[in-house]
């Protein structure tokens, strides 16, 4: 499976991005 590493990398990046966005929103709401 040649595309598997790419999918894993994409999934990891998107998950990290969503986590950062969520934390940013949470921090903004708490202020």
PDB file of N, CA and C in Angstrom:
ATOM      1  N   UNK A   1       0.854  -1.200   0.000  1.00  0.00           N
ATOM      2  CA  UNK A   1       0.000   0.000   0.000  1.00  0.00           C
ATOM      3  C   UNK A   1       0.888   1.248   0.000  1.00  0.00           C
ATOM      4  N   UNK A   2       0.943   1.893  -1.136  1.00  0.00           N
ATOM      5  CA  UNK A   2       1.839   3.037  -1.287  1.00  0.00           C
ATOM      6  C   UNK A   2       1.239   4.301  -0.675  1.00  0.00           C
ATOM      7  N   UNK A   3      -0.070   4.400  -0.660  1.00  0.00           N
ATOM      8  CA  UNK A   3      -0.704   5.629  -0.190  1.00  0.00           C
ATOM      9  C   UNK A   3      -0.971   5.654   1.309  1.00  0.00           C
ATOM     10  N   UNK A   4      -0.702   4.543   1.992  1.00  0.00           N
ATOM     11  CA  UNK A   4      -1.026   4.473   3.415  1.00  0.00           C
ATOM     12  C   UNK A   4      -0.249   5.492   4.251  1.00  0.00           C
ATOM     13  N   UNK A   5       1.081   5.589   4.101  1.00  0.00           N
ATOM     14  CA  UNK A   5       1.821   6.594   4.886  1.00  0.00           C
ATOM     15  C   UNK A   5       1.295   8.004   4.664  1.00  0.00           C
ATOM     16  N   UNK A   6       0.906   8.299   3.413  1.00  0.00           N
ATOM     17  CA  UNK A   6       0.370   9.627   3.108  1.00  0.00           C
ATOM     18  C   UNK A   6      -0.928   9.860   3.872  1.00  0.00           C
ATOM     19  N   UNK A   7      -1.791   8.851   3.890  1.00  0.00           N
ATOM     20  CA  UNK A   7      -3.063   8.984   4.599  1.00  0.00           C
ATOM     21  C   UNK A   7      -2.836   9.159   6.096  1.00  0.00           C
ATOM     22  N   UNK A   8      -1.888   8.399   6.633  1.00  0.00           N
ATOM     23  CA  UNK A   8      -1.590   8.508   8.064  1.00  0.00           C
ATOM     24  C   UNK A   8      -1.069   9.903   8.388  1.00  0.00           C
ATOM     25  N   UNK A   9      -0.181  10.421   7.527  1.00  0.00           N
ATOM     26  CA  UNK A   9       0.374  11.757   7.751  1.00  0.00           C
ATOM     27  C   UNK A   9      -0.724  12.812   7.672  1.00  0.00           C
ATOM     28  N   UNK A  10      -1.597  12.669   6.674  1.00  0.00           N
ATOM     29  CA  UNK A  10      -2.697  13.617   6.498  1.00  0.00           C
ATOM     30  C   UNK A  10      -3.624  13.588   7.717  1.00  0.00           C
ATOM     31  N   UNK A  11      -3.944  12.369   8.183  1.00  0.00           N
ATOM     32  CA  UNK A  11      -4.823  12.217   9.333  1.00  0.00           C
ATOM     33  C   UNK A  11      -4.197  12.841  10.576  1.00  0.00           C
ATOM     34  N   UNK A  12      -2.897  12.608  10.766  1.00  0.00           N
ATOM     35  CA  UNK A  12      -2.194  13.157  11.927  1.00  0.00           C
ATOM     36  C   UNK A  12      -2.189  14.675  11.880  1.00  0.00           C
ATOM     37  N   UNK A  13      -1.888  15.222  10.688  1.00  0.00           N
ATOM     38  CA  UNK A  13      -1.828  16.679  10.544  1.00  0.00           C
ATOM     39  C   UNK A  13      -3.197  17.304  10.791  1.00  0.00           C
ATOM     40  N   UNK A  14      -4.244  16.717  10.211  1.00  0.00           N
ATOM     41  CA  UNK A  14      -5.580  17.290  10.349  1.00  0.00           C
ATOM     42  C   UNK A  14      -6.060  17.191  11.800  1.00  0.00           C
ATOM     43  N   UNK A  15      -5.712  16.087  12.465  1.00  0.00           N
ATOM     44  CA  UNK A  15      -6.107  15.925  13.861  1.00  0.00           C
ATOM     45  C   UNK A  15      -5.415  16.958  14.739  1.00  0.00           C
ATOM     46  N   UNK A  16      -4.123  17.164  14.499  1.00  0.00           N
ATOM     47  CA  UNK A  16      -3.372  18.156  15.270  1.00  0.00           C
ATOM     48  C   UNK A  16      -3.935  19.552  15.024  1.00  0.00           C
ATOM     49  N   UNK A  17      -4.284  19.828  13.764  1.00  0.00           N
ATOM     50  CA  UNK A  17      -4.842  21.135  13.408  1.00  0.00           C
ATOM     51  C   UNK A  17      -6.159  21.362  14.141  1.00  0.00           C
ATOM     52  N   UNK A  18      -7.035  20.356  14.115  1.00  0.00           N
ATOM     53  CA  UNK A  18      -8.326  20.492  14.784  1.00  0.00           C
ATOM     54  C   UNK A  18      -8.144  20.647  16.288  1.00  0.00           C
ATOM     55  N   UNK A  19      -7.185  19.923  16.854  1.00  0.00           N
ATOM     56  CA  UNK A  19      -6.926  20.026  18.286  1.00  0.00           C
ATOM     57  C   UNK A  19      -6.473  21.435  18.647  1.00  0.00           C
ATOM     58  N   UNK A  20      -5.573  21.992  17.828  1.00  0.00           N
ATOM     59  CA  UNK A  20      -5.079  23.346  18.087  1.00  0.00           C
ATOM     60  C   UNK A  20      -6.199  24.365  17.955  1.00  0.00           C
ATOM     61  N   UNK A  21      -7.056  24.194  16.953  1.00  0.00           N
ATOM     62  CA  UNK A  21      -8.178  25.110  16.760  1.00  0.00           C
ATOM     63  C   UNK A  21      -9.118  25.036  17.957  1.00  0.00           C
ATOM     64  N   UNK A  22      -9.384  23.824  18.415  1.00  0.00           N
ATOM     65  CA  UNK A  22     -10.268  23.627  19.556  1.00  0.00           C
ATOM     66  C   UNK A  22      -9.716  24.283  20.815  1.00  0.00           C
ATOM     67  N   UNK A  23      -8.411  24.108  21.041  1.00  0.00           N
ATOM     68  CA  UNK A  23      -7.782  24.710  22.210  1.00  0.00           C
ATOM     69  C   UNK A  23      -7.806  26.226  22.115  1.00  0.00           C
ATOM     70  N   UNK A  24      -7.588  26.755  20.924  1.00  0.00           N
ATOM     71  CA  UNK A  24      -7.594  28.204  20.731  1.00  0.00           C
ATOM     72  C   UNK A  24      -8.986  28.762  21.016  1.00  0.00           C
ATOM     73  N   UNK A  25     -10.009  28.087  20.503  1.00  0.00           N
ATOM     74  CA  UNK A  25     -11.387  28.536  20.737  1.00  0.00           C
ATOM     75  C   UNK A  25     -11.719  28.466  22.227  1.00  0.00           C
ATOM     76  N   UNK A  26     -11.317  27.378  22.871  1.00  0.00           N
ATOM     77  CA  UNK A  26     -11.583  27.193  24.291  1.00  0.00           C
ATOM     78  C   UNK A  26     -10.914  28.294  25.108  1.00  0.00           C
ATOM     79  N   UNK A  27      -9.663  28.610  24.763  1.00  0.00           N
ATOM     80  CA  UNK A  27      -8.929  29.652  25.485  1.00  0.00           C
ATOM     81  C   UNK A  27      -9.599  31.007  25.287  1.00  0.00           C
ATOM     82  N   UNK A  28     -10.067  31.255  24.069  1.00  0.00           N
ATOM     83  CA  UNK A  28     -10.718  32.534  23.773  1.00  0.00           C
ATOM     84  C   UNK A  28     -12.022  32.665  24.559  1.00  0.00           C
ATOM     85  N   UNK A  29     -12.776  31.575  24.630  1.00  0.00           N
ATOM     86  CA  UNK A  29     -14.061  31.603  25.338  1.00  0.00           C
ATOM     87  C   UNK A  29     -13.843  31.808  26.841  1.00  0.00           C
ATOM     88  N   UNK A  30     -12.788  31.217  27.376  1.00  0.00           N
ATOM     89  CA  UNK A  30     -12.541  31.286  28.820  1.00  0.00           C
ATOM     90  C   UNK A  30     -12.131  32.676  29.274  1.00  0.00           C
ATOM     91  N   UNK A  31     -11.548  33.466  28.396  1.00  0.00           N
ATOM     92  CA  UNK A  31     -11.050  34.778  28.812  1.00  0.00           C
ATOM     93  C   UNK A  31     -12.185  35.702  29.255  1.00  0.00           C
TER      94      UNK A  31
END
